[in-house]
């Protein structure tokens, strides 16, 4: 328990490696979301175009 308390009280800045990990994980989640939403938006736009023609 002391280790956890010490970790939570530690106010040192994040290192370059930690920032790189955050950027990498954010990029992976963003790409996954864009791929998922991209297919759905394509289907919606295709349906709209078909109904208009």
PDB file of N, CA and C in Angstrom:
ATOM      1  N   UNK A   1       0.825  -1.199   0.000  1.00  0.00           N
ATOM      2  CA  UNK A   1       0.000   0.000   0.000  1.00  0.00           C
ATOM      3  C   UNK A   1       0.863   1.254   0.000  1.00  0.00           C
ATOM      4  N   UNK A   2       2.013   1.191   0.636  1.00  0.00           N
ATOM      5  CA  UNK A   2       2.898   2.362   0.659  1.00  0.00           C
ATOM      6  C   UNK A   2       3.393   2.703  -0.732  1.00  0.00           C
ATOM      7  N   UNK A   3       3.643   1.679  -1.542  1.00  0.00           N
ATOM      8  CA  UNK A   3       4.099   1.925  -2.909  1.00  0.00           C
ATOM      9  C   UNK A   3       3.058   2.667  -3.726  1.00  0.00           C
ATOM     10  N   UNK A   4       1.791   2.304  -3.542  1.00  0.00           N
ATOM     11  CA  UNK A   4       0.705   2.969  -4.263  1.00  0.00           C
ATOM     12  C   UNK A   4       0.577   4.418  -3.822  1.00  0.00           C
ATOM     13  N   UNK A   5       0.652   4.653  -2.532  1.00  0.00           N
ATOM     14  CA  UNK A   5       0.556   6.019  -2.014  1.00  0.00           C
ATOM     15  C   UNK A   5       1.722   6.869  -2.512  1.00  0.00           C
ATOM     16  N   UNK A   6       2.900   6.284  -2.550  1.00  0.00           N
ATOM     17  CA  UNK A   6       4.062   7.018  -3.046  1.00  0.00           C
ATOM     18  C   UNK A   6       3.908   7.338  -4.529  1.00  0.00           C
ATOM     19  N   UNK A   7       3.371   6.374  -5.281  1.00  0.00           N
ATOM     20  CA  UNK A   7       3.144   6.596  -6.709  1.00  0.00           C
ATOM     21  C   UNK A   7       2.153   7.735  -6.930  1.00  0.00           C
ATOM     22  N   UNK A   8       1.077   7.756  -6.142  1.00  0.00           N
ATOM     23  CA  UNK A   8       0.059   8.793  -6.314  1.00  0.00           C
ATOM     24  C   UNK A   8       0.563  10.164  -5.887  1.00  0.00           C
ATOM     25  N   UNK A   9       1.487  10.210  -4.933  1.00  0.00           N
ATOM     26  CA  UNK A   9       2.030  11.486  -4.474  1.00  0.00           C
ATOM     27  C   UNK A   9       3.167  11.989  -5.354  1.00  0.00           C
ATOM     28  N   UNK A  10       3.711  11.141  -6.178  1.00  0.00           N
ATOM     29  CA  UNK A  10       4.831  11.515  -7.024  1.00  0.00           C
ATOM     30  C   UNK A  10       4.365  12.538  -8.053  1.00  0.00           C
ATOM     31  N   UNK A  11       4.961  13.727  -8.023  1.00  0.00           N
ATOM     32  CA  UNK A  11       4.530  14.779  -8.945  1.00  0.00           C
ATOM     33  C   UNK A  11       5.594  15.101  -9.992  1.00  0.00           C
ATOM     34  N   UNK A  12       6.455  14.143 -10.268  1.00  0.00           N
ATOM     35  CA  UNK A  12       7.441  14.335 -11.338  1.00  0.00           C
ATOM     36  C   UNK A  12       6.722  14.398 -12.676  1.00  0.00           C
ATOM     37  N   UNK A  13       7.324  15.121 -13.597  1.00  0.00           N
ATOM     38  CA  UNK A  13       6.738  15.237 -14.926  1.00  0.00           C
ATOM     39  C   UNK A  13       6.834  13.933 -15.703  1.00  0.00           C
ATOM     40  N   UNK A  14       5.979  13.811 -16.689  1.00  0.00           N
ATOM     41  CA  UNK A  14       5.986  12.614 -17.525  1.00  0.00           C
ATOM     42  C   UNK A  14       7.223  12.623 -18.425  1.00  0.00           C
ATOM     43  N   UNK A  15       7.745  11.463 -18.668  1.00  0.00           N
ATOM     44  CA  UNK A  15       8.928  11.356 -19.517  1.00  0.00           C
ATOM     45  C   UNK A  15       8.515  11.276 -20.989  1.00  0.00           C
ATOM     46  N   UNK A  16       9.494  11.360 -21.847  1.00  0.00           N
ATOM     47  CA  UNK A  16       9.251  11.300 -23.275  1.00  0.00           C
ATOM     48  C   UNK A  16       8.620   9.969 -23.670  1.00  0.00           C
ATOM     49  N   UNK A  17       9.029   8.903 -23.017  1.00  0.00           N
ATOM     50  CA  UNK A  17       8.474   7.583 -23.318  1.00  0.00           C
ATOM     51  C   UNK A  17       6.992   7.538 -22.981  1.00  0.00           C
ATOM     52  N   UNK A  18       6.603   8.120 -21.857  1.00  0.00           N
ATOM     53  CA  UNK A  18       5.189   8.145 -21.477  1.00  0.00           C
ATOM     54  C   UNK A  18       4.373   8.952 -22.480  1.00  0.00           C
ATOM     55  N   UNK A  19       4.899  10.081 -22.923  1.00  0.00           N
ATOM     56  CA  UNK A  19       4.192  10.877 -23.922  1.00  0.00           C
ATOM     57  C   UNK A  19       4.072  10.113 -25.234  1.00  0.00           C
ATOM     58  N   UNK A  20       5.114   9.395 -25.622  1.00  0.00           N
ATOM     59  CA  UNK A  20       5.069   8.606 -26.848  1.00  0.00           C
ATOM     60  C   UNK A  20       4.001   7.521 -26.749  1.00  0.00           C
ATOM     61  N   UNK A  21       3.883   6.883 -25.594  1.00  0.00           N
ATOM     62  CA  UNK A  21       2.856   5.847 -25.401  1.00  0.00           C
ATOM     63  C   UNK A  21       1.454   6.444 -25.480  1.00  0.00           C
ATOM     64  N   UNK A  22       1.268   7.603 -24.893  1.00  0.00           N
ATOM     65  CA  UNK A  22      -0.038   8.259 -24.937  1.00  0.00           C
ATOM     66  C   UNK A  22      -0.403   8.600 -26.380  1.00  0.00           C
ATOM     67  N   UNK A  23       0.538   9.147 -27.130  1.00  0.00           N
ATOM     68  CA  UNK A  23       0.285   9.505 -28.527  1.00  0.00           C
ATOM     69  C   UNK A  23      -0.019   8.264 -29.350  1.00  0.00           C
ATOM     70  N   UNK A  24       0.726   7.193 -29.109  1.00  0.00           N
ATOM     71  CA  UNK A  24       0.510   5.958 -29.860  1.00  0.00           C
ATOM     72  C   UNK A  24      -0.877   5.386 -29.586  1.00  0.00           C
ATOM     73  N   UNK A  25      -1.280   5.318 -28.331  1.00  0.00           N
ATOM     74  CA  UNK A  25      -2.594   4.761 -27.989  1.00  0.00           C
ATOM     75  C   UNK A  25      -3.715   5.640 -28.535  1.00  0.00           C
ATOM     76  N   UNK A  26      -3.558   6.945 -28.443  1.00  0.00           N
ATOM     77  CA  UNK A  26      -4.562   7.861 -28.985  1.00  0.00           C
ATOM     78  C   UNK A  26      -4.690   7.688 -30.492  1.00  0.00           C
ATOM     79  N   UNK A  27      -3.576   7.528 -31.177  1.00  0.00           N
ATOM     80  CA  UNK A  27      -3.602   7.337 -32.624  1.00  0.00           C
ATOM     81  C   UNK A  27      -4.307   6.043 -33.005  1.00  0.00           C
ATOM     82  N   UNK A  28      -4.035   4.978 -32.258  1.00  0.00           N
ATOM     83  CA  UNK A  28      -4.671   3.686 -32.547  1.00  0.00           C
ATOM     84  C   UNK A  28      -6.181   3.787 -32.374  1.00  0.00           C
ATOM     85  N   UNK A  29      -6.625   4.393 -31.275  1.00  0.00           N
ATOM     86  CA  UNK A  29      -8.064   4.527 -31.037  1.00  0.00           C
ATOM     87  C   UNK A  29      -8.713   5.446 -32.067  1.00  0.00           C
ATOM     88  N   UNK A  30      -8.026   6.513 -32.452  1.00  0.00           N
ATOM     89  CA  UNK A  30      -8.589   7.434 -33.451  1.00  0.00           C
ATOM     90  C   UNK A  30      -8.728   6.747 -34.809  1.00  0.00           C
ATOM     91  N   UNK A  31      -7.716   5.986 -35.203  1.00  0.00           N
ATOM     92  CA  UNK A  31      -7.801   5.277 -36.480  1.00  0.00           C
ATOM     93  C   UNK A  31      -8.917   4.240 -36.476  1.00  0.00           C
ATOM     94  N   UNK A  32      -9.069   3.533 -35.369  1.00  0.00           N
ATOM     95  CA  UNK A  32     -10.140   2.540 -35.267  1.00  0.00           C
ATOM     96  C   UNK A  32     -11.511   3.217 -35.365  1.00  0.00           C
ATOM     97  N   UNK A  33     -11.669   4.348 -34.695  1.00  0.00           N
ATOM     98  CA  UNK A  33     -12.942   5.069 -34.740  1.00  0.00           C
ATOM     99  C   UNK A  33     -13.223   5.595 -36.146  1.00  0.00           C
ATOM    100  N   UNK A  34     -12.212   6.133 -36.797  1.00  0.00           N
ATOM    101  CA  UNK A  34     -12.407   6.657 -38.154  1.00  0.00           C
ATOM    102  C   UNK A  34     -12.746   5.553 -39.143  1.00  0.00           C
ATOM    103  N   UNK A  35     -12.119   4.411 -38.991  1.00  0.00           N
ATOM    104  CA  UNK A  35     -12.431   3.301 -39.900  1.00  0.00           C
ATOM    105  C   UNK A  35     -13.868   2.837 -39.694  1.00  0.00           C
ATOM    106  N   UNK A  36     -14.284   2.754 -38.444  1.00  0.00           N
ATOM    107  CA  UNK A  36     -15.645   2.306 -38.143  1.00  0.00           C
ATOM    108  C   UNK A  36     -16.677   3.323 -38.632  1.00  0.00           C
ATOM    109  N   UNK A  37     -16.456   4.585 -38.338  1.00  0.00           N
ATOM    110  CA  UNK A  37     -17.399   5.622 -38.744  1.00  0.00           C
ATOM    111  C   UNK A  37     -17.354   5.865 -40.244  1.00  0.00           C
ATOM    112  N   UNK A  38     -16.219   5.634 -40.868  1.00  0.00           N
ATOM    113  CA  UNK A  38     -16.089   5.837 -42.308  1.00  0.00           C
ATOM    114  C   UNK A  38     -17.007   4.928 -43.090  1.00  0.00           C
ATOM    115  N   UNK A  39     -17.081   3.664 -42.703  1.00  0.00           N
ATOM    116  CA  UNK A  39     -17.949   2.720 -43.397  1.00  0.00           C
ATOM    117  C   UNK A  39     -19.423   3.093 -43.194  1.00  0.00           C
ATOM    118  N   UNK A  40     -19.764   3.500 -42.001  1.00  0.00           N
ATOM    119  CA  UNK A  40     -21.159   3.855 -41.722  1.00  0.00           C
ATOM    120  C   UNK A  40     -21.564   5.112 -42.484  1.00  0.00           C
ATOM    121  N   UNK A  41     -20.688   6.113 -42.509  1.00  0.00           N
ATOM    122  CA  UNK A  41     -21.037   7.351 -43.205  1.00  0.00           C
ATOM    123  C   UNK A  41     -21.120   7.130 -44.709  1.00  0.00           C
ATOM    124  N   UNK A  42     -20.300   6.252 -45.245  1.00  0.00           N
ATOM    125  CA  UNK A  42     -20.378   5.938 -46.671  1.00  0.00           C
ATOM    126  C   UNK A  42     -21.725   5.316 -47.005  1.00  0.00           C
ATOM    127  N   UNK A  43     -22.188   4.411 -46.171  1.00  0.00           N
ATOM    128  CA  UNK A  43     -23.489   3.780 -46.403  1.00  0.00           C
ATOM    129  C   UNK A  43     -24.625   4.800 -46.330  1.00  0.00           C
ATOM    130  N   UNK A  44     -24.562   5.709 -45.386  1.00  0.00           N
ATOM    131  CA  UNK A  44     -25.618   6.722 -45.249  1.00  0.00           C
ATOM    132  C   UNK A  44     -25.627   7.619 -46.483  1.00  0.00           C
ATOM    133  N   UNK A  45     -24.456   8.079 -46.905  1.00  0.00           N
ATOM    134  CA  UNK A  45     -24.397   8.969 -48.071  1.00  0.00           C
ATOM    135  C   UNK A  45     -24.838   8.257 -49.349  1.00  0.00           C
ATOM    136  N   UNK A  46     -24.516   6.992 -49.466  1.00  0.00           N
ATOM    137  CA  UNK A  46     -24.964   6.228 -50.626  1.00  0.00           C
ATOM    138  C   UNK A  46     -26.481   6.099 -50.643  1.00  0.00           C
ATOM    139  N   UNK A  47     -27.078   5.843 -49.497  1.00  0.00           N
ATOM    140  CA  UNK A  47     -28.537   5.746 -49.408  1.00  0.00           C
ATOM    141  C   UNK A  47     -29.212   7.066 -49.754  1.00  0.00           C
ATOM    142  N   UNK A  48     -28.643   8.158 -49.282  1.00  0.00           N
ATOM    143  CA  UNK A  48     -29.194   9.484 -49.596  1.00  0.00           C
ATOM    144  C   UNK A  48     -29.100   9.752 -51.093  1.00  0.00           C
ATOM    145  N   UNK A  49     -27.957   9.447 -51.683  1.00  0.00           N
ATOM    146  CA  UNK A  49     -27.778   9.669 -53.130  1.00  0.00           C
ATOM    147  C   UNK A  49     -28.741   8.818 -53.936  1.00  0.00           C
ATOM    148  N   UNK A  50     -28.971   7.579 -53.512  1.00  0.00           N
ATOM    149  CA  UNK A  50     -29.902   6.701 -54.227  1.00  0.00           C
ATOM    150  C   UNK A  50     -31.339   7.205 -54.135  1.00  0.00           C
ATOM    151  N   UNK A  51     -31.704   7.750 -52.986  1.00  0.00           N
ATOM    152  CA  UNK A  51     -33.058   8.260 -52.825  1.00  0.00           C
ATOM    153  C   UNK A  51     -33.278   9.545 -53.622  1.00  0.00           C
ATOM    154  N   UNK A  52     -32.227  10.333 -53.780  1.00  0.00           N
ATOM    155  CA  UNK A  52     -32.357  11.579 -54.536  1.00  0.00           C
ATOM    156  C   UNK A  52     -32.418  11.343 -56.044  1.00  0.00           C
ATOM    157  N   UNK A  53     -31.865  10.242 -56.508  1.00  0.00           N
ATOM    158  CA  UNK A  53     -31.846  10.013 -57.968  1.00  0.00           C
ATOM    159  C   UNK A  53     -33.049   9.237 -58.437  1.00  0.00           C
TER     160      UNK A  53
END
